[in-house]
Amino acid sequence: MAEKIKYEMVIVLTEEFNKSELKTWSFNYARNLQLLSASDISIISKGTLYLAYTIDDQKRGNFIQINFSTVPKYLQKIKENTKLDPYILRSLLINKNGADLI
């Protein structure tokens, strides 16, 4: 079995979430990561911040940091799921072991 690698993902969500909805979204995203064999999942909300430029007519976004470990073969599916979520404005996935952008 392949070795799990640590990753960090930063996601910018639309501003429309309140705190409760943001927690629910984060919990569901973590559960989906678990279904893709991810472990050591931690989620940190960075709050609602102004964007440097508008994205899809949004001037502010909710920033979420997600740390997790997974086998590299599941990364493509994680990226596909992220692209399909209509509430995600932008995302960045980084390999914490080598700091490579994914």
N, C-alpha and C. Protein backbone atom coordinates (compact mmCIF):
# COMPACT_ATOMS: atom_id res chain seq x y z
N MET A 1 0.84 -1.19 0.00
CA MET A 1 0.00 0.00 0.00
C MET A 1 0.88 1.24 0.00
N ALA A 2 0.46 2.23 -0.75
CA ALA A 2 1.23 3.47 -0.86
C ALA A 2 1.20 4.24 0.46
N GLU A 3 2.25 4.99 0.67
CA GLU A 3 2.38 5.79 1.89
C GLU A 3 1.50 7.03 1.80
N LYS A 4 0.87 7.38 2.92
CA LYS A 4 0.06 8.60 2.96
C LYS A 4 0.98 9.81 3.07
N ILE A 5 0.58 10.86 2.39
CA ILE A 5 1.34 12.10 2.37
C ILE A 5 0.47 13.21 2.96
N LYS A 6 1.10 14.14 3.66
CA LYS A 6 0.37 15.26 4.26
C LYS A 6 0.13 16.35 3.23
N TYR A 7 -1.09 16.87 3.24
CA TYR A 7 -1.47 17.95 2.33
C TYR A 7 -2.15 19.07 3.11
N GLU A 8 -2.08 20.26 2.55
CA GLU A 8 -2.80 21.40 3.09
C GLU A 8 -3.60 22.00 1.94
N MET A 9 -4.87 22.27 2.20
CA MET A 9 -5.74 22.85 1.19
C MET A 9 -6.36 24.12 1.75
N VAL A 10 -6.34 25.17 0.97
CA VAL A 10 -7.03 26.40 1.33
C VAL A 10 -8.17 26.57 0.33
N ILE A 11 -9.36 26.77 0.86
CA ILE A 11 -10.56 26.90 0.04
C ILE A 11 -11.20 28.26 0.33
N VAL A 12 -11.59 28.95 -0.72
CA VAL A 12 -12.34 30.20 -0.58
C VAL A 12 -13.78 29.90 -0.99
N LEU A 13 -14.67 30.03 -0.02
CA LEU A 13 -16.09 29.80 -0.25
C LEU A 13 -16.82 31.12 -0.44
N THR A 14 -18.00 31.06 -1.02
CA THR A 14 -18.82 32.26 -1.17
C THR A 14 -19.14 32.83 0.21
N GLU A 15 -19.48 34.09 0.24
CA GLU A 15 -19.71 34.81 1.50
C GLU A 15 -21.04 34.45 2.16
N GLU A 16 -21.93 33.79 1.45
CA GLU A 16 -23.31 33.62 1.91
C GLU A 16 -23.49 32.70 3.11
N PHE A 17 -22.47 32.01 3.57
CA PHE A 17 -22.59 31.09 4.70
C PHE A 17 -22.59 31.84 6.03
N ASN A 18 -23.49 31.42 6.95
CA ASN A 18 -23.36 31.88 8.33
C ASN A 18 -22.47 30.87 9.07
N LYS A 19 -22.17 31.09 10.33
CA LYS A 19 -21.24 30.22 11.05
C LYS A 19 -21.73 28.77 11.11
N SER A 20 -23.00 28.58 11.35
CA SER A 20 -23.56 27.23 11.45
C SER A 20 -23.47 26.50 10.10
N GLU A 21 -23.83 27.19 9.03
CA GLU A 21 -23.76 26.59 7.70
C GLU A 21 -22.31 26.28 7.31
N LEU A 22 -21.39 27.15 7.72
CA LEU A 22 -19.97 26.94 7.43
C LEU A 22 -19.45 25.69 8.14
N LYS A 23 -19.87 25.50 9.40
CA LYS A 23 -19.49 24.29 10.14
C LYS A 23 -20.05 23.05 9.48
N THR A 24 -21.30 23.12 9.04
CA THR A 24 -21.93 21.97 8.38
C THR A 24 -21.22 21.65 7.07
N TRP A 25 -20.91 22.68 6.28
CA TRP A 25 -20.20 22.46 5.02
C TRP A 25 -18.84 21.83 5.29
N SER A 26 -18.11 22.35 6.27
CA SER A 26 -16.78 21.83 6.61
C SER A 26 -16.85 20.38 7.06
N PHE A 27 -17.84 20.06 7.90
CA PHE A 27 -18.01 18.69 8.37
C PHE A 27 -18.28 17.75 7.20
N ASN A 28 -19.15 18.15 6.29
CA ASN A 28 -19.46 17.32 5.13
C ASN A 28 -18.25 17.15 4.22
N TYR A 29 -17.46 18.20 4.06
CA TYR A 29 -16.26 18.10 3.23
C TYR A 29 -15.25 17.14 3.86
N ALA A 30 -15.11 17.22 5.19
CA ALA A 30 -14.20 16.30 5.90
C ALA A 30 -14.68 14.86 5.77
N ARG A 31 -15.98 14.65 5.83
CA ARG A 31 -16.53 13.30 5.69
C ARG A 31 -16.26 12.76 4.28
N ASN A 32 -16.37 13.62 3.28
CA ASN A 32 -16.06 13.20 1.91
C ASN A 32 -14.58 12.86 1.76
N LEU A 33 -13.71 13.60 2.45
CA LEU A 33 -12.28 13.27 2.43
C LEU A 33 -12.04 11.91 3.06
N GLN A 34 -12.74 11.63 4.15
CA GLN A 34 -12.60 10.33 4.81
C GLN A 34 -13.02 9.20 3.88
N LEU A 35 -14.06 9.42 3.10
CA LEU A 35 -14.51 8.40 2.14
C LEU A 35 -13.45 8.13 1.08
N LEU A 36 -12.57 9.10 0.87
CA LEU A 36 -11.47 8.94 -0.08
C LEU A 36 -10.17 8.58 0.64
N SER A 37 -10.32 7.94 1.80
CA SER A 37 -9.18 7.38 2.53
C SER A 37 -8.29 8.42 3.21
N ALA A 38 -8.77 9.64 3.39
CA ALA A 38 -7.98 10.67 4.08
C ALA A 38 -8.08 10.46 5.59
N SER A 39 -7.01 10.85 6.29
CA SER A 39 -6.99 10.76 7.75
C SER A 39 -6.30 12.00 8.30
N ASP A 40 -6.23 12.09 9.63
CA ASP A 40 -5.60 13.24 10.29
C ASP A 40 -6.15 14.56 9.76
N ILE A 41 -7.47 14.64 9.64
CA ILE A 41 -8.12 15.81 9.06
C ILE A 41 -8.32 16.89 10.12
N SER A 42 -7.88 18.09 9.83
CA SER A 42 -8.16 19.24 10.70
C SER A 42 -8.63 20.40 9.82
N ILE A 43 -9.63 21.11 10.32
CA ILE A 43 -10.21 22.21 9.57
C ILE A 43 -10.12 23.47 10.41
N ILE A 44 -9.61 24.53 9.81
CA ILE A 44 -9.47 25.82 10.50
C ILE A 44 -10.17 26.87 9.65
N SER A 45 -11.14 27.55 10.26
CA SER A 45 -11.82 28.65 9.56
C SER A 45 -11.01 29.92 9.78
N LYS A 46 -10.64 30.56 8.69
CA LYS A 46 -9.87 31.80 8.75
C LYS A 46 -10.78 33.03 8.74
N GLY A 47 -12.09 32.80 8.60
CA GLY A 47 -13.05 33.90 8.63
C GLY A 47 -13.38 34.44 7.25
N THR A 48 -14.22 35.45 7.25
CA THR A 48 -14.62 36.12 6.02
C THR A 48 -13.69 37.30 5.78
N LEU A 49 -13.07 37.31 4.61
CA LEU A 49 -12.09 38.34 4.28
C LEU A 49 -12.40 38.94 2.91
N TYR A 50 -11.95 40.17 2.71
CA TYR A 50 -12.08 40.79 1.39
C TYR A 50 -11.12 40.13 0.42
N LEU A 51 -11.57 39.93 -0.80
CA LEU A 51 -10.74 39.36 -1.86
C LEU A 51 -9.94 40.48 -2.53
N ALA A 52 -8.80 40.14 -3.07
CA ALA A 52 -7.98 41.13 -3.78
C ALA A 52 -8.66 41.59 -5.06
N TYR A 53 -9.49 40.73 -5.63
CA TYR A 53 -10.25 41.06 -6.83
C TYR A 53 -11.54 40.26 -6.77
N THR A 54 -12.57 40.70 -7.49
CA THR A 54 -13.85 40.00 -7.45
C THR A 54 -13.75 38.67 -8.19
N ILE A 55 -14.43 37.68 -7.63
CA ILE A 55 -14.52 36.35 -8.24
C ILE A 55 -16.01 36.03 -8.32
N ASP A 56 -16.52 35.82 -9.51
CA ASP A 56 -17.95 35.54 -9.70
C ASP A 56 -18.82 36.56 -8.98
N ASP A 57 -18.48 37.83 -9.13
CA ASP A 57 -19.20 38.95 -8.51
C ASP A 57 -19.16 38.94 -6.98
N GLN A 58 -18.24 38.20 -6.40
CA GLN A 58 -18.07 38.16 -4.94
C GLN A 58 -16.88 39.05 -4.56
N LYS A 59 -17.09 39.91 -3.57
CA LYS A 59 -16.00 40.78 -3.09
C LYS A 59 -15.36 40.23 -1.82
N ARG A 60 -16.08 39.34 -1.13
CA ARG A 60 -15.57 38.72 0.10
C ARG A 60 -15.76 37.22 0.01
N GLY A 61 -14.98 36.50 0.79
CA GLY A 61 -15.10 35.05 0.79
C GLY A 61 -14.75 34.48 2.16
N ASN A 62 -15.26 33.29 2.43
CA ASN A 62 -14.93 32.55 3.65
C ASN A 62 -13.71 31.69 3.36
N PHE A 63 -12.66 31.89 4.12
CA PHE A 63 -11.42 31.14 3.92
C PHE A 63 -11.36 29.97 4.89
N ILE A 64 -11.12 28.78 4.35
CA ILE A 64 -11.03 27.55 5.13
C ILE A 64 -9.69 26.89 4.84
N GLN A 65 -8.99 26.48 5.89
CA GLN A 65 -7.75 25.71 5.74
C GLN A 65 -8.03 24.29 6.19
N ILE A 66 -7.68 23.31 5.35
CA ILE A 66 -7.89 21.90 5.66
C ILE A 66 -6.56 21.18 5.56
N ASN A 67 -6.16 20.53 6.64
CA ASN A 67 -4.95 19.71 6.66
C ASN A 67 -5.39 18.25 6.71
N PHE A 68 -4.76 17.40 5.91
CA PHE A 68 -5.12 15.99 5.90
C PHE A 68 -3.98 15.17 5.31
N SER A 69 -4.07 13.86 5.52
CA SER A 69 -3.12 12.92 4.93
C SER A 69 -3.90 11.96 4.05
N THR A 70 -3.35 11.62 2.90
CA THR A 70 -4.00 10.66 2.02
C THR A 70 -2.98 10.06 1.07
N VAL A 71 -3.41 9.01 0.39
CA VAL A 71 -2.60 8.36 -0.63
C VAL A 71 -2.72 9.20 -1.91
N PRO A 72 -1.62 9.48 -2.60
CA PRO A 72 -1.66 10.36 -3.78
C PRO A 72 -2.65 9.94 -4.86
N LYS A 73 -2.98 8.67 -4.96
CA LYS A 73 -3.89 8.24 -6.03
C LYS A 73 -5.29 8.83 -5.89
N TYR A 74 -5.65 9.34 -4.71
CA TYR A 74 -6.97 9.92 -4.50
C TYR A 74 -7.02 11.43 -4.76
N LEU A 75 -5.88 12.04 -5.05
CA LEU A 75 -5.85 13.49 -5.24
C LEU A 75 -6.70 13.96 -6.41
N GLN A 76 -6.69 13.23 -7.50
CA GLN A 76 -7.47 13.63 -8.67
C GLN A 76 -8.96 13.68 -8.33
N LYS A 77 -9.44 12.70 -7.60
CA LYS A 77 -10.85 12.67 -7.21
C LYS A 77 -11.18 13.83 -6.25
N ILE A 78 -10.26 14.13 -5.33
CA ILE A 78 -10.45 15.25 -4.41
C ILE A 78 -10.54 16.56 -5.20
N LYS A 79 -9.66 16.74 -6.18
CA LYS A 79 -9.69 17.96 -7.00
C LYS A 79 -10.98 18.04 -7.83
N GLU A 80 -11.43 16.91 -8.36
CA GLU A 80 -12.68 16.90 -9.14
C GLU A 80 -13.86 17.30 -8.26
N ASN A 81 -13.93 16.73 -7.05
CA ASN A 81 -15.02 17.06 -6.13
C ASN A 81 -15.00 18.54 -5.76
N THR A 82 -13.81 19.09 -5.61
CA THR A 82 -13.67 20.50 -5.27
C THR A 82 -14.17 21.38 -6.41
N LYS A 83 -13.84 21.02 -7.64
CA LYS A 83 -14.27 21.81 -8.80
C LYS A 83 -15.79 21.76 -9.00
N LEU A 84 -16.43 20.68 -8.58
CA LEU A 84 -17.87 20.52 -8.77
C LEU A 84 -18.70 21.26 -7.74
N ASP A 85 -18.11 21.66 -6.63
CA ASP A 85 -18.85 22.34 -5.57
C ASP A 85 -19.15 23.79 -5.99
N PRO A 86 -20.42 24.16 -6.10
CA PRO A 86 -20.76 25.50 -6.59
C PRO A 86 -20.42 26.62 -5.60
N TYR A 87 -20.15 26.28 -4.34
CA TYR A 87 -19.85 27.29 -3.33
C TYR A 87 -18.37 27.62 -3.24
N ILE A 88 -17.53 26.83 -3.89
CA ILE A 88 -16.09 27.07 -3.85
C ILE A 88 -15.69 28.04 -4.96
N LEU A 89 -15.13 29.17 -4.56
CA LEU A 89 -14.66 30.16 -5.53
C LEU A 89 -13.26 29.82 -6.03
N ARG A 90 -12.37 29.45 -5.12
CA ARG A 90 -10.99 29.09 -5.44
C ARG A 90 -10.49 28.07 -4.43
N SER A 91 -9.46 27.31 -4.85
CA SER A 91 -8.83 26.38 -3.92
C SER A 91 -7.36 26.22 -4.30
N LEU A 92 -6.57 25.84 -3.31
CA LEU A 92 -5.15 25.60 -3.50
C LEU A 92 -4.78 24.38 -2.67
N LEU A 93 -4.13 23.40 -3.29
CA LEU A 93 -3.72 22.17 -2.61
C LEU A 93 -2.20 22.08 -2.64
N ILE A 94 -1.60 21.93 -1.47
CA ILE A 94 -0.14 21.90 -1.35
C ILE A 94 0.30 20.62 -0.66
N ASN A 95 1.36 20.01 -1.20
CA ASN A 95 2.01 18.87 -0.57
C ASN A 95 2.90 19.42 0.54
N LYS A 96 2.57 19.12 1.80
CA LYS A 96 3.32 19.68 2.92
C LYS A 96 4.71 19.06 3.07
N ASN A 97 4.90 17.86 2.54
CA ASN A 97 6.20 17.21 2.65
C ASN A 97 7.22 17.87 1.73
N GLY A 98 6.79 18.23 0.53
CA GLY A 98 7.71 18.81 -0.43
C GLY A 98 7.33 20.20 -0.87
N ALA A 99 6.21 20.70 -0.36
CA ALA A 99 5.70 22.04 -0.69
C ALA A 99 5.45 22.23 -2.18
N ASP A 100 5.12 21.13 -2.89
CA ASP A 100 4.76 21.23 -4.30
C ASP A 100 3.31 21.64 -4.43
N LEU A 101 3.01 22.50 -5.39
CA LEU A 101 1.62 22.83 -5.68
C LEU A 101 1.01 21.68 -6.46
N ILE A 102 -0.21 21.34 -6.11
CA ILE A 102 -0.88 20.22 -6.77
C ILE A 102 -1.97 20.77 -7.67
